[in-house]
C-alpha atoms as a PDB file:
ATOM      1  CA  MET A   1      -3.259  -6.542  16.869  1.00  0.00           C
ATOM      2  CA  VAL A   2      -6.145  -6.712  14.419  1.00  0.00           C
ATOM      3  CA  SER A   3      -8.436  -4.464  16.449  1.00  0.00           C
ATOM      4  CA  ALA A   4      -5.637  -1.919  16.973  1.00  0.00           C
ATOM      5  CA  ALA A   5      -4.835  -1.840  13.258  1.00  0.00           C
ATOM      6  CA  ASP A   6      -8.487  -1.584  12.236  1.00  0.00           C
ATOM      7  CA  ALA A   7      -9.147   1.252  14.685  1.00  0.00           C
ATOM      8  CA  ALA A   8      -6.120   3.237  13.469  1.00  0.00           C
ATOM      9  CA  ILE A   9      -6.957   2.746   9.795  1.00  0.00           C
ATOM     10  CA  SER A  10     -10.653   3.521  10.218  1.00  0.00           C
ATOM     11  CA  HIS A  11      -9.956   6.658  12.237  1.00  0.00           C
ATOM     12  CA  SER A  12      -7.468   7.911   9.657  1.00  0.00           C
ATOM     13  CA  LEU A  13      -9.946   7.346   6.818  1.00  0.00           C
ATOM     14  CA  SER A  14     -12.501   9.533   8.561  1.00  0.00           C
ATOM     15  CA  ARG A  15     -10.065  12.133   9.898  1.00  0.00           C
ATOM     16  CA  GLY A  16      -7.809  12.784   6.939  1.00  0.00           C
ATOM     17  CA  ALA A  17      -4.499  14.606   7.161  1.00  0.00           C
ATOM     18  CA  PRO A  18      -3.871  17.576   9.490  1.00  0.00           C
ATOM     19  CA  PHE A  19      -3.434  19.868   6.499  1.00  0.00           C
ATOM     20  CA  SER A  20      -6.724  18.723   4.926  1.00  0.00           C
ATOM     21  CA  ILE A  21      -9.531  21.260   4.719  1.00  0.00           C
ATOM     22  CA  LYS A  22     -12.094  18.459   4.911  1.00  0.00           C
ATOM     23  CA  ALA A  23     -12.183  14.698   5.255  1.00  0.00           C
ATOM     24  CA  PRO A  24     -10.794  12.838   2.212  1.00  0.00           C
ATOM     25  CA  ARG A  25     -13.285  11.481  -0.302  1.00  0.00           C
ATOM     26  CA  THR A  26     -11.050  10.225  -3.126  1.00  0.00           C
ATOM     27  CA  GLU A  27      -8.893   7.102  -3.342  1.00  0.00           C
ATOM     28  CA  PRO A  28      -5.568   9.024  -3.293  1.00  0.00           C
ATOM     29  CA  GLY A  29      -6.674  11.183  -0.364  1.00  0.00           C
ATOM     30  CA  LEU A  30      -7.782   8.177   1.668  1.00  0.00           C
ATOM     31  CA  VAL A  31      -4.587   6.215   0.997  1.00  0.00           C
ATOM     32  CA  ALA A  32      -2.573   9.309   1.951  1.00  0.00           C
ATOM     33  CA  ALA A  33      -4.534   9.648   5.204  1.00  0.00           C
ATOM     34  CA  VAL A  34      -3.764   6.043   6.136  1.00  0.00           C
ATOM     35  CA  THR A  35      -0.075   6.679   5.432  1.00  0.00           C
ATOM     36  CA  LEU A  36       0.076   9.834   7.537  1.00  0.00           C
ATOM     37  CA  HIS A  37      -2.176   8.935  10.469  1.00  0.00           C
ATOM     38  CA  GLY A  38      -3.152   5.281  10.431  1.00  0.00           C
ATOM     39  CA  ILE A  39       0.305   3.748  10.148  1.00  0.00           C
ATOM     40  CA  PRO A  40       2.028   5.692  12.982  1.00  0.00           C
ATOM     41  CA  GLN A  41      -0.940   5.064  15.289  1.00  0.00           C
ATOM     42  CA  MET A  42      -0.948   1.374  14.393  1.00  0.00           C
ATOM     43  CA  ALA A  43       2.797   1.123  15.094  1.00  0.00           C
ATOM     44  CA  MET A  44       2.437   2.826  18.462  1.00  0.00           C
ATOM     45  CA  ASP A  45      -0.419   0.529  19.528  1.00  0.00           C
ATOM     46  CA  TRP A  46       1.394  -2.559  18.281  1.00  0.00           C
ATOM     47  CA  ARG A  47       4.519  -1.646  20.239  1.00  0.00           C
ATOM     48  CA  LYS A  48       2.561  -1.992  23.487  1.00  0.00           C
ATOM     49  CA  LEU A  49       1.397  -5.466  22.445  1.00  0.00           C
ATOM     50  CA  THR A  50       4.571  -6.941  20.946  1.00  0.00           C
ATOM     51  CA  THR A  51       7.401  -5.580  23.132  1.00  0.00           C
ATOM     52  CA  PRO A  52       6.474  -7.756  26.166  1.00  0.00           C
ATOM     53  CA  HIS A  53       6.844 -10.780  23.855  1.00  0.00           C
ATOM     54  CA  GLY A  54      10.312  -9.762  22.656  1.00  0.00           C
ATOM     55  CA  VAL A  55       9.195  -8.633  19.193  1.00  0.00           C
ATOM     56  CA  ARG A  56       9.777  -5.236  17.595  1.00  0.00           C
ATOM     57  CA  LEU A  57       7.982  -3.926  14.522  1.00  0.00           C
ATOM     58  CA  LYS A  58       9.452  -1.059  12.506  1.00  0.00           C
ATOM     59  CA  VAL A  59       7.144   0.499   9.943  1.00  0.00           C
ATOM     60  CA  SER A  60       7.682   2.748   6.950  1.00  0.00           C
ATOM     61  CA  ALA A  61       4.841   3.974   4.774  1.00  0.00           C
ATOM     62  CA  VAL A  62       5.063   5.953   1.552  1.00  0.00           C
ATOM     63  CA  PHE A  63       2.160   7.454  -0.355  1.00  0.00           C
ATOM     64  CA  THR A  64       2.710   8.663  -3.899  1.00  0.00           C
ATOM     65  CA  HIS A  65       0.051   9.761  -6.323  1.00  0.00           C
ATOM     66  CA  LYS A  66       1.843   8.297  -9.334  1.00  0.00           C
ATOM     67  CA  ALA A  67       1.923   4.551  -9.914  1.00  0.00           C
ATOM     68  CA  PRO A  68       3.993   2.595 -12.444  1.00  0.00           C
ATOM     69  CA  GLN A  69       2.256   1.677 -15.687  1.00  0.00           C
ATOM     70  CA  VAL A  70       2.279  -1.828 -17.130  1.00  0.00           C
ATOM     71  CA  SER A  71       1.156  -3.189 -20.485  1.00  0.00           C
ATOM     72  CA  PHE A  72      -0.157  -6.616 -21.418  1.00  0.00           C
ATOM     73  CA  LYS A  73      -2.453  -8.286 -23.922  1.00  0.00           C
ATOM     74  CA  SER A  74      -5.974  -7.771 -22.674  1.00  0.00           C
ATOM     75  CA  PRO A  75      -9.332  -8.510 -24.307  1.00  0.00           C
ATOM     76  CA  VAL A  76     -10.597  -5.448 -22.436  1.00  0.00           C
ATOM     77  CA  ALA A  77      -8.054  -2.775 -23.328  1.00  0.00           C
ATOM     78  CA  GLY A  78      -5.915  -4.355 -26.020  1.00  0.00           C
ATOM     79  CA  GLY A  79      -2.321  -3.344 -25.309  1.00  0.00           C
ATOM     80  CA  SER A  80      -3.091  -0.033 -23.597  1.00  0.00           C
ATOM     81  CA  PRO A  81      -1.156   0.406 -20.336  1.00  0.00           C
ATOM     82  CA  CYS A  82      -2.783   0.650 -16.937  1.00  0.00           C
ATOM     83  CA  GLU A  83      -1.584   1.221 -13.373  1.00  0.00           C
ATOM     84  CA  LEU A  84       0.002  -1.804 -11.743  1.00  0.00           C
ATOM     85  CA  ALA A  85      -1.547  -1.157  -8.306  1.00  0.00           C
ATOM     86  CA  ASP A  86      -2.102   1.508  -5.667  1.00  0.00           C
ATOM     87  CA  LEU A  87      -0.157  -0.033  -2.795  1.00  0.00           C
ATOM     88  CA  LEU A  88       2.539  -2.622  -2.095  1.00  0.00           C
ATOM     89  CA  VAL A  89       2.543  -4.249   1.349  1.00  0.00           C
ATOM     90  CA  VAL A  90       5.820  -5.916   2.384  1.00  0.00           C
ATOM     91  CA  VAL A  91       6.596  -7.786   5.619  1.00  0.00           C
ATOM     92  CA  ASP A  92      10.181  -8.755   6.427  1.00  0.00           C
ATOM     93  CA  ASP A  93      10.177 -11.417   9.144  1.00  0.00           C
ATOM     94  CA  PHE A  94      13.812 -12.057  10.011  1.00  0.00           C
ATOM     95  CA  ASN A  95      15.105 -13.839   6.854  1.00  0.00           C
ATOM     96  CA  ARG A  96      11.718 -14.248   5.151  1.00  0.00           C
ATOM     97  CA  ARG A  97       9.685 -11.767   3.092  1.00  0.00           C
ATOM     98  CA  ARG A  98       6.025 -11.693   2.120  1.00  0.00           C
ATOM     99  CA  ALA A  99       4.409  -9.149  -0.173  1.00  0.00           C
ATOM    100  CA  ALA A 100       1.089  -8.274  -1.779  1.00  0.00           C
ATOM    101  CA  LEU A 101      -0.107  -5.715  -4.296  1.00  0.00           C
ATOM    102  CA  VAL A 102      -3.325  -3.860  -3.460  1.00  0.00           C
ATOM    103  CA  GLN A 103      -5.651  -2.121  -5.910  1.00  0.00           C
ATOM    104  CA  ALA A 104      -7.772   0.399  -3.972  1.00  0.00           C
ATOM    105  CA  LYS A 105     -11.337   1.119  -5.059  1.00  0.00           C
ATOM    106  CA  MET A 106     -14.192   3.096  -3.556  1.00  0.00           C
ATOM    107  CA  ALA A 107     -17.401   1.207  -2.781  1.00  0.00           C
ATOM    108  CA  ALA A 108     -20.168   2.337  -5.124  1.00  0.00           C
ATOM    109  CA  ARG A 109     -22.699   1.808  -2.343  1.00  0.00           C
ATOM    110  CA  LYS A 110     -22.628   0.243   1.096  1.00  0.00           C
ATOM    111  CA  GLY A 111     -20.784  -3.081   1.009  1.00  0.00           C
ATOM    112  CA  THR A 112     -20.612  -3.235  -2.795  1.00  0.00           C
ATOM    113  CA  VAL A 113     -17.912  -2.545  -5.364  1.00  0.00           C
ATOM    114  CA  GLN A 114     -18.537  -1.954  -9.050  1.00  0.00           C
ATOM    115  CA  ILE A 115     -16.042  -1.761 -11.905  1.00  0.00           C
ATOM    116  CA  SER A 116     -16.625   0.551 -14.867  1.00  0.00           C
ATOM    117  CA  GLY A 117     -14.440   2.169 -17.489  1.00  0.00           C
ATOM    118  CA  THR A 118     -11.787   0.607 -19.706  1.00  0.00           C
ATOM    119  CA  LYS A 119      -8.826   1.337 -17.414  1.00  0.00           C
ATOM    120  CA  ASN A 120     -10.530  -0.089 -14.327  1.00  0.00           C
ATOM    121  CA  LYS A 121     -11.618  -3.191 -16.226  1.00  0.00           C
ATOM    122  CA  ALA A 122      -8.082  -3.649 -17.531  1.00  0.00           C
ATOM    123  CA  GLN A 123      -6.731  -3.490 -13.960  1.00  0.00           C
ATOM    124  CA  LEU A 124      -9.238  -6.126 -12.878  1.00  0.00           C
ATOM    125  CA  ASP A 125      -8.245  -8.310 -15.826  1.00  0.00           C
ATOM    126  CA  LEU A 126      -4.610  -7.975 -14.757  1.00  0.00           C
ATOM    127  CA  PHE A 127      -5.327  -8.982 -11.145  1.00  0.00           C
ATOM    128  CA  THR A 128      -7.619 -11.894 -11.993  1.00  0.00           C
ATOM    129  CA  ARG A 129      -5.367 -13.480 -14.656  1.00  0.00           C
ATOM    130  CA  TRP A 130      -1.855 -12.081 -14.182  1.00  0.00           C
ATOM    131  CA  PRO A 131      -0.891 -12.491 -17.827  1.00  0.00           C
ATOM    132  CA  VAL A 132       2.687 -11.783 -18.881  1.00  0.00           C
ATOM    133  CA  PHE A 133       3.264  -8.013 -18.641  1.00  0.00           C
ATOM    134  CA  ASP A 134       5.884  -5.291 -19.093  1.00  0.00           C
ATOM    135  CA  PHE A 135       6.699  -2.190 -17.062  1.00  0.00           C
ATOM    136  CA  GLU A 136       6.361   0.946 -19.187  1.00  0.00           C
ATOM    137  CA  GLU A 137       8.910   3.040 -17.253  1.00  0.00           C
ATOM    138  CA  THR A 138      12.454   2.294 -18.366  1.00  0.00           C
ATOM    139  CA  ILE A 139      13.809   2.880 -14.850  1.00  0.00           C
ATOM    140  CA  TYR A 140      12.447  -0.517 -13.809  1.00  0.00           C
ATOM    141  CA  GLY A 141      13.957  -2.420 -16.728  1.00  0.00           C
ATOM    142  CA  LEU A 142      11.362  -5.179 -16.338  1.00  0.00           C
ATOM    143  CA  LYS A 143       9.810  -6.979 -19.317  1.00  0.00           C
ATOM    144  CA  GLY A 144       8.088 -10.298 -19.927  1.00  0.00           C
ATOM    145  CA  LEU A 145       7.104 -10.823 -16.288  1.00  0.00           C
ATOM    146  CA  ASP A 146       5.224 -14.008 -15.423  1.00  0.00           C
ATOM    147  CA  LEU A 147       3.858 -14.117 -11.871  1.00  0.00           C
ATOM    148  CA  HIS A 148       2.785 -17.736 -12.283  1.00  0.00           C
ATOM    149  CA  ARG A 149       6.384 -18.800 -12.613  1.00  0.00           C
ATOM    150  CA  GLY A 150       7.593 -20.487  -9.429  1.00  0.00           C
ATOM    151  CA  GLY A 151       4.422 -20.193  -7.375  1.00  0.00           C
ATOM    152  CA  ARG A 152       0.773 -19.272  -7.045  1.00  0.00           C
ATOM    153  CA  GLY A 153       0.498 -16.142  -9.155  1.00  0.00           C
ATOM    154  CA  LEU A 154      -3.082 -15.363  -8.164  1.00  0.00           C
ATOM    155  CA  THR A 155      -2.007 -14.692  -4.560  1.00  0.00           C
ATOM    156  CA  SER A 156       0.062 -11.702  -5.697  1.00  0.00           C
ATOM    157  CA  GLY A 157      -2.702  -9.106  -5.471  1.00  0.00           C
ATOM    158  CA  MET A 158      -5.884  -8.092  -3.676  1.00  0.00           C
ATOM    159  CA  TYR A 159      -8.538  -5.428  -4.092  1.00  0.00           C
ATOM    160  CA  GLY A 160      -8.860  -2.953  -1.222  1.00  0.00           C
ATOM    161  CA  ILE A 161     -12.419  -1.666  -0.979  1.00  0.00           C
ATOM    162  CA  ILE A 162     -12.810   1.614   0.889  1.00  0.00           C
ATOM    163  CA  ASP A 163     -16.399   2.050   2.023  1.00  0.00           C
ATOM    164  CA  ARG A 164     -17.575   5.471   3.163  1.00  0.00           C
ATOM    165  CA  HIS A 165     -21.214   4.393   3.414  1.00  0.00           C
ATOM    166  CA  TRP A 166     -22.283   3.693   6.968  1.00  0.00           C
ATOM    167  CA  SER A 167     -25.515   3.762   8.935  1.00  0.00           C
ATOM    168  CA  ASN A 168     -24.507   2.314  12.308  1.00  0.00           C
ATOM    169  CA  PRO A 169     -21.874   3.209  14.931  1.00  0.00           C
ATOM    170  CA  PRO A 170     -18.903   3.664  15.031  1.00  0.00           C
ATOM    171  CA  ARG A 171     -19.640   5.569  11.809  1.00  0.00           C
ATOM    172  CA  HIS A 172     -16.144   5.315  10.395  1.00  0.00           C
ATOM    173  CA  PRO A 173     -15.153   4.288   6.854  1.00  0.00           C
ATOM    174  CA  SER A 174     -13.866   0.755   6.407  1.00  0.00           C
ATOM    175  CA  TRP A 175     -11.194  -0.859   4.226  1.00  0.00           C
ATOM    176  CA  LYS A 176     -11.834  -4.491   3.238  1.00  0.00           C
ATOM    177  CA  GLN A 177      -9.560  -6.792   1.233  1.00  0.00           C
ATOM    178  CA  MET A 178     -11.294  -8.722  -1.557  1.00  0.00           C
ATOM    179  CA  VAL A 179      -9.987 -11.531  -3.740  1.00  0.00           C
ATOM    180  CA  PRO A 180      -9.978 -10.145  -7.318  1.00  0.00           C
ATOM    181  CA  ALA A 181     -12.067 -13.084  -8.561  1.00  0.00           C
ATOM    182  CA  SER A 182     -14.945 -11.856  -6.361  1.00  0.00           C
ATOM    183  CA  VAL A 183     -14.863  -8.331  -7.835  1.00  0.00           C
ATOM    184  CA  PRO A 184     -17.272  -6.753  -8.711  1.00  0.00           C
ATOM    185  CA  GLY A 185     -19.756  -7.715  -6.051  1.00  0.00           C
ATOM    186  CA  SER A 186     -20.534  -7.657  -2.362  1.00  0.00           C
ATOM    187  CA  VAL A 187     -17.746  -7.165   0.157  1.00  0.00           C
ATOM    188  CA  GLY A 188     -19.474  -9.656   2.446  1.00  0.00           C
ATOM    189  CA  ALA A 189     -17.155 -11.217   5.030  1.00  0.00           C
ATOM    190  CA  ALA A 190     -13.926 -10.031   3.379  1.00  0.00           C
ATOM    191  CA  PRO A 191     -11.151  -9.370   5.914  1.00  0.00           C
ATOM    192  CA  SER A 192     -10.241  -5.829   6.878  1.00  0.00           C
ATOM    193  CA  LEU A 193      -6.945  -4.296   5.796  1.00  0.00           C
ATOM    194  CA  GLY A 194      -5.791  -4.522   9.418  1.00  0.00           C
ATOM    195  CA  ARG A 195      -6.524  -8.255   9.585  1.00  0.00           C
ATOM    196  CA  PHE A 196      -4.855  -8.798   6.217  1.00  0.00           C
ATOM    197  CA  ILE A 197      -1.674  -7.056   7.395  1.00  0.00           C
ATOM    198  CA  VAL A 198      -1.598  -9.083  10.615  1.00  0.00           C
ATOM    199  CA  ARG A 199      -2.043 -12.281   8.613  1.00  0.00           C
ATOM    200  CA  MET A 200       0.927 -11.258   6.497  1.00  0.00           C
ATOM    201  CA  ILE A 201       3.010 -10.750   9.652  1.00  0.00           C
ATOM    202  CA  PHE A 202       2.127 -14.282  10.727  1.00  0.00           C
ATOM    203  CA  GLY A 203       2.765 -15.690   7.247  1.00  0.00           C
ATOM    204  CA  THR A 204      -0.809 -16.628   6.300  1.00  0.00           C
ATOM    205  CA  ALA A 205      -1.543 -13.915   3.697  1.00  0.00           C
ATOM    206  CA  GLY A 206       0.308 -12.388   0.796  1.00  0.00           C
ATOM    207  CA  ARG A 207       2.897 -14.233  -1.254  1.00  0.00           C
ATOM    208  CA  ASP A 208       6.432 -15.345  -0.470  1.00  0.00           C
ATOM    209  CA  ALA A 209       8.868 -12.812  -1.954  1.00  0.00           C
ATOM    210  CA  THR A 210      12.052 -13.952  -0.234  1.00  0.00           C
ATOM    211  CA  PRO A 211      15.113 -13.308  -2.414  1.00  0.00           C
ATOM    212  CA  GLY A 212      16.307 -16.568  -3.905  1.00  0.00           C
ATOM    213  CA  SER A 213      12.866 -18.201  -3.901  1.00  0.00           C
ATOM    214  CA  ALA A 214      11.452 -19.927  -6.979  1.00  0.00           C
ATOM    215  CA  ALA A 215       9.079 -17.043  -7.771  1.00  0.00           C
ATOM    216  CA  ARG A 216      11.878 -15.150  -9.498  1.00  0.00           C
ATOM    217  CA  ASP A 217       9.748 -12.609 -11.391  1.00  0.00           C
ATOM    218  CA  TRP A 218       7.667 -11.794  -8.310  1.00  0.00           C
ATOM    219  CA  VAL A 219      10.792 -11.259  -6.182  1.00  0.00           C
ATOM    220  CA  GLN A 220      12.250  -9.041  -8.894  1.00  0.00           C
ATOM    221  CA  ILE A 221       9.101  -6.898  -9.052  1.00  0.00           C
ATOM    222  CA  VAL A 222       8.930  -6.408  -5.283  1.00  0.00           C
ATOM    223  CA  ASP A 223      12.628  -5.509  -5.072  1.00  0.00           C
ATOM    224  CA  ALA A 224      12.364  -3.054  -7.966  1.00  0.00           C
ATOM    225  CA  LEU A 225       9.249  -1.344  -6.605  1.00  0.00           C
ATOM    226  CA  MET A 226      10.824  -0.882  -3.183  1.00  0.00           C
ATOM    227  CA  SER A 227      14.097   0.350  -4.622  1.00  0.00           C
ATOM    228  CA  VAL A 228      12.516   2.943  -6.914  1.00  0.00           C
ATOM    229  CA  THR A 229      10.120   4.179  -4.236  1.00  0.00           C
ATOM    230  CA  TYR A 230      12.855   4.635  -1.657  1.00  0.00           C
ATOM    231  CA  THR A 231      15.881   5.738  -3.641  1.00  0.00           C
ATOM    232  CA  LYS A 232      14.507   7.578  -6.658  1.00  0.00           C
ATOM    233  CA  TYR A 233      11.331   9.344  -5.664  1.00  0.00           C
ATOM    234  CA  PHE A 234      12.942  11.192  -2.767  1.00  0.00           C
ATOM    235  CA  HIS A 235      16.190  12.119  -4.477  1.00  0.00           C
ATOM    236  CA  ASP A 236      16.039  15.550  -2.826  1.00  0.00           C
ATOM    237  CA  ARG A 237      15.928  13.996   0.672  1.00  0.00           C
ATOM    238  CA  PRO A 238      18.724  11.383   0.711  1.00  0.00           C
ATOM    239  CA  SER A 239      19.342  11.825   4.441  1.00  0.00           C
ATOM    240  CA  LEU A 240      15.946  10.285   5.209  1.00  0.00           C
ATOM    241  CA  GLY A 241      16.470   7.046   3.340  1.00  0.00           C
ATOM    242  CA  PRO A 242      14.906   3.764   4.488  1.00  0.00           C
ATOM    243  CA  PRO A 243      17.939   2.148   6.168  1.00  0.00           C
ATOM    244  CA  ALA A 244      17.686   4.549   9.127  1.00  0.00           C
ATOM    245  CA  PHE A 245      14.637   4.287  11.353  1.00  0.00           C
ATOM    246  CA  PRO A 246      14.852   7.319  13.658  1.00  0.00           C
ATOM    247  CA  ARG A 247      13.483   7.128  17.159  1.00  0.00           C
ATOM    248  CA  GLY A 248       9.787   7.906  17.143  1.00  0.00           C
ATOM    249  CA  ASN A 249       8.303   9.240  13.932  1.00  0.00           C
ATOM    250  CA  THR A 250       9.607  11.084  10.918  1.00  0.00           C
ATOM    251  CA  THR A 251       6.863  12.340   8.643  1.00  0.00           C
ATOM    252  CA  ALA A 252       7.126  14.575   5.583  1.00  0.00           C
ATOM    253  CA  ALA A 253       4.571  15.689   3.019  1.00  0.00           C
ATOM    254  CA  PHE A 254       5.546  16.818  -0.481  1.00  0.00           C
ATOM    255  CA  PHE A 255       3.324  19.452  -2.118  1.00  0.00           C
ATOM    256  CA  LEU A 256       3.058  20.851  -5.623  1.00  0.00           C
ATOM    257  CA  GLN A 257       0.668  23.735  -6.318  1.00  0.00           C
ATOM    258  CA  GLY A 258      -1.124  23.116  -3.041  1.00  0.00           C
ATOM    259  CA  GLN A 259      -1.698  19.397  -3.647  1.00  0.00           C
ATOM    260  CA  ALA A 260      -0.028  16.568  -1.725  1.00  0.00           C
ATOM    261  CA  LYS A 261       2.045  14.555  -4.184  1.00  0.00           C
ATOM    262  CA  SER A 262       3.631  12.259  -1.640  1.00  0.00           C
ATOM    263  CA  ILE A 263       3.804  11.499   2.067  1.00  0.00           C
ATOM    264  CA  TYR A 264       6.231   9.255   3.891  1.00  0.00           C
ATOM    265  CA  THR A 265       6.409   8.089   7.490  1.00  0.00           C
ATOM    266  CA  PHE A 266       9.121   6.130   9.304  1.00  0.00           C
ATOM    267  CA  THR A 267       8.206   4.967  12.800  1.00  0.00           C
ATOM    268  CA  ASP A 268       9.015   2.401  15.458  1.00  0.00           C
ATOM    269  CA  GLY A 269       5.968   3.333  17.526  1.00  0.00           C
ATOM    270  CA  GLY A 270       8.159   4.926  20.182  1.00  0.00           C
ATOM    271  CA  LEU A 271       6.468   8.320  20.209  1.00  0.00           C
ATOM    272  CA  ALA A 272       2.938   9.617  19.856  1.00  0.00           C
ATOM    273  CA  VAL A 273       1.665  10.188  16.337  1.00  0.00           C
ATOM    274  CA  ASP A 274       2.951  13.377  14.763  1.00  0.00           C
ATOM    275  CA  THR A 275       0.221  15.974  14.291  1.00  0.00           C
ATOM    276  CA  GLU A 276       2.121  18.205  11.874  1.00  0.00           C
ATOM    277  CA  PRO A 277       4.432  16.671   9.257  1.00  0.00           C
ATOM    278  CA  GLU A 278       7.340  18.526   7.736  1.00  0.00           C
ATOM    279  CA  ILE A 279       6.104  20.233   4.566  1.00  0.00           C
ATOM    280  CA  ILE A 280       8.348  20.240   1.493  1.00  0.00           C
ATOM    281  CA  ARG A 281       7.351  22.275  -1.576  1.00  0.00           C
ATOM    282  CA  LEU A 282       8.118  20.711  -4.942  1.00  0.00           C
ATOM    283  CA  GLU A 283       9.033  22.833  -7.924  1.00  0.00           C
ATOM    284  CA  ARG A 284       7.993  20.301 -10.528  1.00  0.00           C
ATOM    285  CA  GLU A 285       5.911  17.209 -11.003  1.00  0.00           C
ATOM    286  CA  PRO A 286       7.744  14.013  -9.968  1.00  0.00           C
ATOM    287  CA  GLU A 287       8.628  12.080 -13.097  1.00  0.00           C
ATOM    288  CA  ILE A 288       8.928   8.611 -11.623  1.00  0.00           C
ATOM    289  CA  GLY A 289       5.970   6.270 -11.237  1.00  0.00           C
ATOM    290  CA  ALA A 290       6.895   4.972  -7.792  1.00  0.00           C
ATOM    291  CA  LEU A 291       4.351   2.920  -5.865  1.00  0.00           C
ATOM    292  CA  SER A 292       2.785   3.624  -2.482  1.00  0.00           C
ATOM    293  CA  LEU A 293       4.382   1.269   0.012  1.00  0.00           C
ATOM    294  CA  LEU A 294       3.765  -0.163   3.470  1.00  0.00           C
ATOM    295  CA  HIS A 295       6.895  -1.907   4.771  1.00  0.00           C
ATOM    296  CA  ILE A 296       6.945  -3.744   8.128  1.00  0.00           C
ATOM    297  CA  ILE A 297      10.163  -5.163   9.565  1.00  0.00           C
ATOM    298  CA  LYS A 298       9.838  -7.751  12.338  1.00  0.00           C
ATOM    299  CA  SER A 299      12.864  -8.225  14.605  1.00  0.00           C
ATOM    300  CA  PRO A 300      13.778  -9.108  18.219  1.00  0.00           C
ATOM    301  CA  ALA A 301      12.986  -6.303  20.669  1.00  0.00           C
END
């Protein structure tokens, strides 16, 4: 499963989206490419591996360029807000849930990540300490959140380092998951995003976010992020809500003034990866700071 996930993610990072003029080079473009191409391919390859063992994996992936803002007391940025994260990964395994926040960053040079600028340093401070913080957007209604309450708060987030520097075959970009405490620095032997996701499926990565668990604030954050992403951001497309996983793939890309503002994919791996998503033109900038989401549901085949 790891090799299949890594191959799909790496290929999508180098290929980009079918509507791209050239391969993506920015963090949003690379995350969008993984959503559109990597996730459906990963689901299709996984289906071949898991079905014989009586396991089915349904996958939904949402990319959005806007992320929710949070504020907290920081020696780096004072009380200025910063983005919470770039991606939320959630795995539902029967009656258990695990989740992890991911902050994506581009490698400054091969195998190395650097952090510069007040906003980026504030994000790193957030991930390394997890002080009490508030959501800025009123739609979330979340204040005074303490991720250390009821569990190991430092396991709530990871840094995802996208490295486009390569000198040896297969000459594809890579995505490695780093513990925030090791950032900035060398990627070293950090696990790939594919390996991290597989570990979450098997319950050895991420953090328990099962409703009713002791980590009340963490569960509340995960539930709120998923709810807003699914039910608010796509208010114009209610018929394609998350409860229904259509056979094969459903992929749509939302554009405003020629730029992709969001992409979502629902797939059970039953059909080949879509080459052309449905294109929806937006008339205005989305107001809600939803979060990009990868949601995997594990169930009997």
